[in-house]
């Protein structure tokens, strides 16, 4: 009887550990995806601001970030420098990432 209780405890512990590791892995993937979306959105906005591509800078950033499955939260332009913040839902939480692109100072 004691052996079966120990086995159940070990299996339950392994299941909890596996679930926790899966959640951490998923959060890592979401973070990398958001970072890529923010980078691409900032580059798209900076390119539009410089005239390298046609369009309104923040609209271009919104289109690009939507392709990543992220929402554009903030888009700021300071001449040719674009700062973009994107967000994505991760379970009950909202994850955010920011990026800046433009010519060097």
N, C-alpha and C. Protein backbone atom coordinates (compact mmCIF):
# COMPACT_ATOMS: atom_id res chain seq x y z
N UNK A 1 0.82 -1.19 0.00
CA UNK A 1 0.00 0.00 0.00
C UNK A 1 0.86 1.26 0.00
N UNK A 2 1.93 1.25 0.80
CA UNK A 2 2.80 2.42 0.86
C UNK A 2 3.54 2.63 -0.45
N UNK A 3 3.87 1.52 -1.12
CA UNK A 3 4.56 1.62 -2.41
C UNK A 3 3.69 2.23 -3.48
N UNK A 4 2.40 1.88 -3.48
CA UNK A 4 1.50 2.43 -4.49
C UNK A 4 1.25 3.92 -4.24
N UNK A 5 1.21 4.34 -2.98
CA UNK A 5 1.04 5.76 -2.67
C UNK A 5 2.27 6.55 -3.10
N UNK A 6 3.45 5.97 -2.92
CA UNK A 6 4.68 6.62 -3.35
C UNK A 6 4.71 6.75 -4.88
N UNK A 7 4.27 5.72 -5.57
CA UNK A 7 4.23 5.75 -7.03
C UNK A 7 3.26 6.82 -7.53
N UNK A 8 2.10 6.91 -6.90
CA UNK A 8 1.13 7.94 -7.28
C UNK A 8 1.72 9.33 -7.04
N UNK A 9 2.41 9.52 -5.93
CA UNK A 9 3.04 10.80 -5.63
C UNK A 9 4.12 11.17 -6.63
N UNK A 10 4.92 10.20 -7.02
CA UNK A 10 5.99 10.45 -8.00
C UNK A 10 5.39 10.80 -9.36
N UNK A 11 4.36 10.07 -9.76
CA UNK A 11 3.72 10.35 -11.05
C UNK A 11 3.06 11.73 -11.03
N UNK A 12 2.39 12.07 -9.94
CA UNK A 12 1.76 13.40 -9.83
C UNK A 12 2.82 14.50 -9.88
N UNK A 13 3.92 14.31 -9.19
CA UNK A 13 5.00 15.29 -9.21
C UNK A 13 5.58 15.45 -10.61
N UNK A 14 5.76 14.35 -11.31
CA UNK A 14 6.28 14.41 -12.68
C UNK A 14 5.31 15.15 -13.60
N UNK A 15 4.01 14.92 -13.41
CA UNK A 15 3.02 15.61 -14.24
C UNK A 15 3.02 17.11 -13.98
N UNK A 16 3.13 17.50 -12.72
CA UNK A 16 3.16 18.92 -12.37
C UNK A 16 4.42 19.57 -12.95
N UNK A 17 5.55 18.90 -12.82
CA UNK A 17 6.80 19.43 -13.36
C UNK A 17 6.73 19.56 -14.88
N UNK A 18 6.17 18.58 -15.55
CA UNK A 18 6.03 18.62 -17.01
C UNK A 18 5.13 19.78 -17.43
N UNK A 19 4.02 19.97 -16.74
CA UNK A 19 3.13 21.09 -17.05
C UNK A 19 3.79 22.43 -16.85
N UNK A 20 4.56 22.56 -15.79
CA UNK A 20 5.28 23.81 -15.54
C UNK A 20 6.32 24.10 -16.60
N UNK A 21 7.07 23.07 -16.99
CA UNK A 21 8.07 23.25 -18.04
C UNK A 21 7.44 23.59 -19.38
N UNK A 22 6.29 23.00 -19.67
CA UNK A 22 5.58 23.32 -20.92
C UNK A 22 5.12 24.77 -20.92
N UNK A 23 4.64 25.26 -19.78
CA UNK A 23 4.21 26.66 -19.69
C UNK A 23 5.38 27.61 -19.87
N UNK A 24 6.52 27.29 -19.29
CA UNK A 24 7.72 28.13 -19.45
C UNK A 24 8.19 28.12 -20.90
N UNK A 25 8.15 26.97 -21.53
CA UNK A 25 8.54 26.89 -22.94
C UNK A 25 7.63 27.70 -23.83
N UNK A 26 6.34 27.64 -23.57
CA UNK A 26 5.37 28.42 -24.35
C UNK A 26 5.59 29.91 -24.15
N UNK A 27 5.85 30.32 -22.92
CA UNK A 27 6.10 31.74 -22.64
C UNK A 27 7.36 32.21 -23.37
N UNK A 28 8.36 31.37 -23.45
CA UNK A 28 9.59 31.71 -24.17
C UNK A 28 9.32 31.90 -25.66
N UNK A 29 8.52 31.03 -26.23
CA UNK A 29 8.17 31.15 -27.65
C UNK A 29 7.38 32.43 -27.90
N UNK A 30 6.44 32.73 -27.04
CA UNK A 30 5.64 33.96 -27.18
C UNK A 30 6.55 35.19 -27.08
N UNK A 31 7.50 35.16 -26.16
CA UNK A 31 8.42 36.29 -26.01
C UNK A 31 9.27 36.50 -27.25
N UNK A 32 9.78 35.43 -27.83
CA UNK A 32 10.59 35.55 -29.05
C UNK A 32 9.73 36.02 -30.23
N UNK A 33 8.52 35.53 -30.29
CA UNK A 33 7.61 35.94 -31.36
C UNK A 33 7.28 37.43 -31.24
N UNK A 34 7.05 37.89 -30.02
CA UNK A 34 6.77 39.31 -29.80
C UNK A 34 7.97 40.17 -30.14
N UNK A 35 9.15 39.72 -29.75
CA UNK A 35 10.36 40.50 -30.07
C UNK A 35 10.54 40.63 -31.57
N UNK A 36 10.29 39.55 -32.30
CA UNK A 36 10.38 39.61 -33.76
C UNK A 36 9.33 40.53 -34.36
N UNK A 37 8.13 40.49 -33.82
CA UNK A 37 7.06 41.37 -34.32
C UNK A 37 7.39 42.83 -34.05
N UNK A 38 7.93 43.12 -32.88
CA UNK A 38 8.29 44.51 -32.55
C UNK A 38 9.42 44.99 -33.46
N UNK A 39 10.43 44.15 -33.66
CA UNK A 39 11.54 44.53 -34.55
C UNK A 39 11.05 44.80 -35.97
N UNK A 40 10.25 43.88 -36.50
CA UNK A 40 9.77 44.03 -37.87
C UNK A 40 8.85 45.25 -38.00
N UNK A 41 8.01 45.47 -37.01
CA UNK A 41 7.13 46.64 -37.05
C UNK A 41 7.90 47.95 -36.99
N UNK A 42 8.92 48.01 -36.15
CA UNK A 42 9.73 49.22 -36.06
C UNK A 42 10.48 49.47 -37.36
N UNK A 43 11.02 48.41 -37.95
CA UNK A 43 11.72 48.57 -39.23
C UNK A 43 10.76 49.03 -40.33
N UNK A 44 9.56 48.47 -40.36
CA UNK A 44 8.57 48.87 -41.37
C UNK A 44 8.18 50.33 -41.20
N UNK A 45 7.98 50.76 -39.98
CA UNK A 45 7.62 52.16 -39.74
C UNK A 45 8.77 53.09 -40.10
N UNK A 46 9.98 52.72 -39.75
CA UNK A 46 11.14 53.57 -40.07
C UNK A 46 11.35 53.64 -41.58
N UNK A 47 11.16 52.52 -42.28
CA UNK A 47 11.29 52.53 -43.74
C UNK A 47 10.24 53.42 -44.38
N UNK A 48 9.01 53.37 -43.88
CA UNK A 48 7.95 54.22 -44.42
C UNK A 48 8.22 55.69 -44.11
N UNK A 49 8.76 55.97 -42.92
CA UNK A 49 9.05 57.36 -42.55
C UNK A 49 10.17 57.93 -43.42
N UNK A 50 11.12 57.09 -43.82
CA UNK A 50 12.24 57.58 -44.64
C UNK A 50 11.88 57.66 -46.11
N UNK A 51 10.76 57.05 -46.49
CA UNK A 51 10.34 57.06 -47.89
C UNK A 51 10.86 55.86 -48.67
N UNK A 52 11.52 54.93 -48.00
CA UNK A 52 12.04 53.73 -48.67
C UNK A 52 10.91 52.84 -49.16
N UNK A 53 9.79 52.84 -48.46
CA UNK A 53 8.60 52.11 -48.89
C UNK A 53 7.41 53.05 -48.78
N UNK A 54 6.42 52.88 -49.64
CA UNK A 54 5.25 53.76 -49.58
C UNK A 54 4.34 53.41 -48.40
N UNK A 55 3.60 54.41 -47.93
CA UNK A 55 2.62 54.17 -46.89
C UNK A 55 2.83 55.05 -45.67
N UNK A 56 1.85 55.01 -44.80
CA UNK A 56 1.91 55.73 -43.53
C UNK A 56 2.68 54.85 -42.54
N UNK A 57 3.69 55.40 -41.86
CA UNK A 57 4.57 54.58 -41.02
C UNK A 57 3.84 53.69 -40.00
N UNK A 58 2.94 54.24 -39.22
CA UNK A 58 2.29 53.43 -38.18
C UNK A 58 1.31 52.43 -38.77
N UNK A 59 0.72 52.74 -39.92
CA UNK A 59 -0.15 51.77 -40.59
C UNK A 59 0.67 50.60 -41.11
N UNK A 60 1.86 50.89 -41.64
CA UNK A 60 2.75 49.81 -42.10
C UNK A 60 3.17 48.93 -40.92
N UNK A 61 3.49 49.56 -39.80
CA UNK A 61 3.87 48.79 -38.61
C UNK A 61 2.73 47.91 -38.14
N UNK A 62 1.52 48.42 -38.18
CA UNK A 62 0.35 47.65 -37.77
C UNK A 62 0.13 46.44 -38.68
N UNK A 63 0.31 46.63 -39.98
CA UNK A 63 0.15 45.52 -40.92
C UNK A 63 1.17 44.42 -40.66
N UNK A 64 2.42 44.84 -40.43
CA UNK A 64 3.50 43.86 -40.23
C UNK A 64 3.31 43.12 -38.92
N UNK A 65 2.99 43.83 -37.85
CA UNK A 65 2.82 43.16 -36.55
C UNK A 65 1.61 42.24 -36.55
N UNK A 66 0.57 42.59 -37.31
CA UNK A 66 -0.60 41.72 -37.41
C UNK A 66 -0.25 40.40 -38.08
N UNK A 67 0.71 40.43 -39.01
CA UNK A 67 1.15 39.19 -39.66
C UNK A 67 1.80 38.24 -38.66
N UNK A 68 2.35 38.77 -37.58
CA UNK A 68 2.94 37.95 -36.53
C UNK A 68 1.91 37.50 -35.49
N UNK A 69 0.70 38.01 -35.60
CA UNK A 69 -0.34 37.68 -34.63
C UNK A 69 -0.31 38.57 -33.41
N UNK A 70 0.38 39.69 -33.51
CA UNK A 70 0.49 40.63 -32.38
C UNK A 70 -0.31 41.89 -32.71
N UNK A 71 -0.71 42.60 -31.67
CA UNK A 71 -1.41 43.86 -31.84
C UNK A 71 -0.48 45.03 -31.59
N UNK A 72 -0.62 46.07 -32.36
CA UNK A 72 0.20 47.27 -32.19
C UNK A 72 -0.38 48.09 -31.05
N UNK A 73 0.39 48.27 -29.98
CA UNK A 73 -0.08 49.02 -28.81
C UNK A 73 0.33 50.48 -28.92
N UNK A 74 1.59 50.74 -29.29
CA UNK A 74 2.11 52.10 -29.37
C UNK A 74 3.00 52.22 -30.59
N UNK A 75 2.86 53.32 -31.30
CA UNK A 75 3.74 53.62 -32.43
C UNK A 75 4.10 55.10 -32.35
N UNK A 76 5.37 55.39 -32.06
CA UNK A 76 5.84 56.77 -31.96
C UNK A 76 6.88 57.03 -33.03
N UNK A 77 6.79 58.20 -33.65
CA UNK A 77 7.77 58.60 -34.65
C UNK A 77 8.44 59.88 -34.20
N UNK A 78 9.77 59.87 -34.21
CA UNK A 78 10.56 61.07 -33.93
C UNK A 78 11.45 61.27 -35.15
N UNK A 79 10.96 62.07 -36.10
CA UNK A 79 11.56 62.25 -37.41
C UNK A 79 11.65 60.91 -38.12
N UNK A 80 12.84 60.32 -38.23
CA UNK A 80 12.99 59.05 -38.94
C UNK A 80 13.13 57.85 -38.00
N UNK A 81 13.06 58.09 -36.70
CA UNK A 81 13.21 57.01 -35.71
C UNK A 81 11.83 56.57 -35.25
N UNK A 82 11.57 55.27 -35.41
CA UNK A 82 10.28 54.70 -35.03
C UNK A 82 10.45 53.83 -33.79
N UNK A 83 9.56 54.02 -32.83
CA UNK A 83 9.51 53.18 -31.63
C UNK A 83 8.14 52.50 -31.62
N UNK A 84 8.17 51.17 -31.56
CA UNK A 84 6.95 50.38 -31.66
C UNK A 84 6.84 49.48 -30.44
N UNK A 85 5.64 49.41 -29.87
CA UNK A 85 5.35 48.47 -28.79
C UNK A 85 4.20 47.59 -29.24
N UNK A 86 4.39 46.28 -29.12
CA UNK A 86 3.37 45.33 -29.52
C UNK A 86 2.93 44.51 -28.31
N UNK A 87 1.76 43.92 -28.40
CA UNK A 87 1.27 43.09 -27.31
C UNK A 87 0.53 41.87 -27.86
N UNK A 88 0.54 40.82 -27.03
CA UNK A 88 -0.12 39.57 -27.40
C UNK A 88 -0.63 38.91 -26.13
N UNK A 89 -1.78 38.31 -26.23
CA UNK A 89 -2.35 37.61 -25.09
C UNK A 89 -1.67 36.27 -24.89
N UNK A 90 -1.34 35.98 -23.64
CA UNK A 90 -0.73 34.70 -23.28
C UNK A 90 -1.50 34.16 -22.09
N UNK A 91 -2.53 33.39 -22.38
CA UNK A 91 -3.42 32.92 -21.31
C UNK A 91 -4.15 34.12 -20.72
N UNK A 92 -4.12 34.27 -19.40
CA UNK A 92 -4.79 35.40 -18.77
C UNK A 92 -3.92 36.67 -18.78
N UNK A 93 -2.70 36.57 -19.25
CA UNK A 93 -1.76 37.69 -19.23
C UNK A 93 -1.63 38.35 -20.59
N UNK A 94 -1.13 39.58 -20.60
CA UNK A 94 -0.82 40.28 -21.83
C UNK A 94 0.69 40.53 -21.83
N UNK A 95 1.37 39.98 -22.83
CA UNK A 95 2.82 40.16 -22.95
C UNK A 95 3.09 41.33 -23.89
N UNK A 96 4.15 42.10 -23.60
CA UNK A 96 4.50 43.26 -24.43
C UNK A 96 5.97 43.22 -24.78
N UNK A 97 6.30 43.82 -25.94
CA UNK A 97 7.69 43.97 -26.35
C UNK A 97 7.79 45.28 -27.13
N UNK A 98 8.95 45.91 -27.04
CA UNK A 98 9.19 47.18 -27.74
C UNK A 98 10.46 47.08 -28.58
N UNK A 99 10.50 47.89 -29.64
CA UNK A 99 11.68 47.96 -30.47
C UNK A 99 11.78 49.35 -31.07
N UNK A 100 13.00 49.73 -31.42
CA UNK A 100 13.24 51.04 -32.02
C UNK A 100 14.08 50.84 -33.27
N UNK A 101 13.78 51.59 -34.33
CA UNK A 101 14.53 51.49 -35.57
C UNK A 101 14.64 52.87 -36.20
N UNK A 102 15.72 53.07 -36.90
CA UNK A 102 15.95 54.33 -37.59
C UNK A 102 17.42 54.53 -37.80
N UNK A 103 17.79 55.65 -38.40
CA UNK A 103 19.21 55.91 -38.65
C UNK A 103 19.95 56.17 -37.33
N UNK A 104 21.24 55.89 -37.32
CA UNK A 104 22.01 56.13 -36.08
C UNK A 104 22.10 57.63 -35.81
N UNK A 105 22.30 57.99 -34.53
CA UNK A 105 22.37 59.42 -34.19
C UNK A 105 23.63 60.08 -34.75
